[in-house]
Amino acid sequence: MLGPVKKRGGPAGLILKNGYVLASWGDTRRVDMTFSVTKSFLSTVAGLAADRGLIRSVDDPVSEYIWDGTFAGEHNSGITWSHLLQQNSDWTGSLWGLHDWADRPPREGGIDDWKHRELRTPGTVMEYNDVRVNVLAYVLTHLWRQPLPRVLKEELMDPVGASATWRWFGYDHAWTVVDGLKMQSVTGGGHSGGGIFISAEDMARFGLLFLSDGSWEGEQLLSPGWIEQAVSPSAPNPNYGFMWWLNRPGSRQWEGVPESVYYAAGFGGNFIVVCPEQDLVMVLRWLEPSRIGEFVGKVFEGI
């Protein structure tokens, strides 16, 4: 492991309708790893940057914003923010000693094949890859010029009333220097440790913020325009937006559940499910991932 890990708790969760708790189970205040649920938080930090004009357009090449060589070369220089957010950039390189080709490599071929593969045009093929997700976190750290956990805390988590118990970690050796200050570059998941450690109750607040189009108690924390972009299907994968999974027709669609539903998903059955038409948010922790769709469908039957 390269970053912190934590022994998991038992199954837990919350179901909220119209802002009220319909049901809860397990220890909803226990802080646990969320694995790739972190990606939806990370993409939201990018949304905050776009709302504040730090990102002029998600269709801009990222190379226009960072000049340290991370996006040098003919291929990488054409990668946009949108490509990184939709995981279809095919960025090539290494970060924190980890190579892009070594993260979830194909079953066919060997190391030499993976190293010298033909690169796909950005925007054409989705490939789930934590190294590239962590590249996004690294670039956003330099864009914000401050640690991303601080940005998330001050811009979103404190305003929605989240507890002080959540944390966002990077790898132990993943440190960068911005304006002469050393700061940790966080990860977008717990694939090798790190990511967001958080309670089910604080996850629910994050989900409720999206359900309310970024508004919280009369204050617009995140623009509705960003949320609309974030949950729009990408061309290579209609079930994926800006690091949110979408219940659209495709291989990931849940039967009997509206197409408007979208969700953050992490290893081990960690989910934040947002159902706009039903004014419903579900937080599910440590449930069998293959049964999540069935669970969500039964909730819809029950309401």
Foldseek 3Di string as FASTA:
>chain_A
DQADADDDDDKWKFKDFPRHTPDIDDDQFAWHFFFQLLLVVLLVLVLLCCVVCLPVDQQQFLCVQDPPCQQDDDQSRNFGNQLLLQQQSLRFDFAPRHGQLVFPHDPDDDDVCSNPPDGDHRQAAHDDTFRSSLVSLVSSCQSVLHHPVVVCVVLPQVVLPFDPPKDFAQGPPQWDAHPNDIDHRTTSGQPPHTGMTGGNVSLQSVLLCLLVLQDDPRDRSGHSVSSVQQAQAGPNGRQGGRQKGFLAPDDPHQPQADRRKIWHHRPQWFIWIHDNVRNMIMTIHRDDVVCPSVVVNVVVVVD
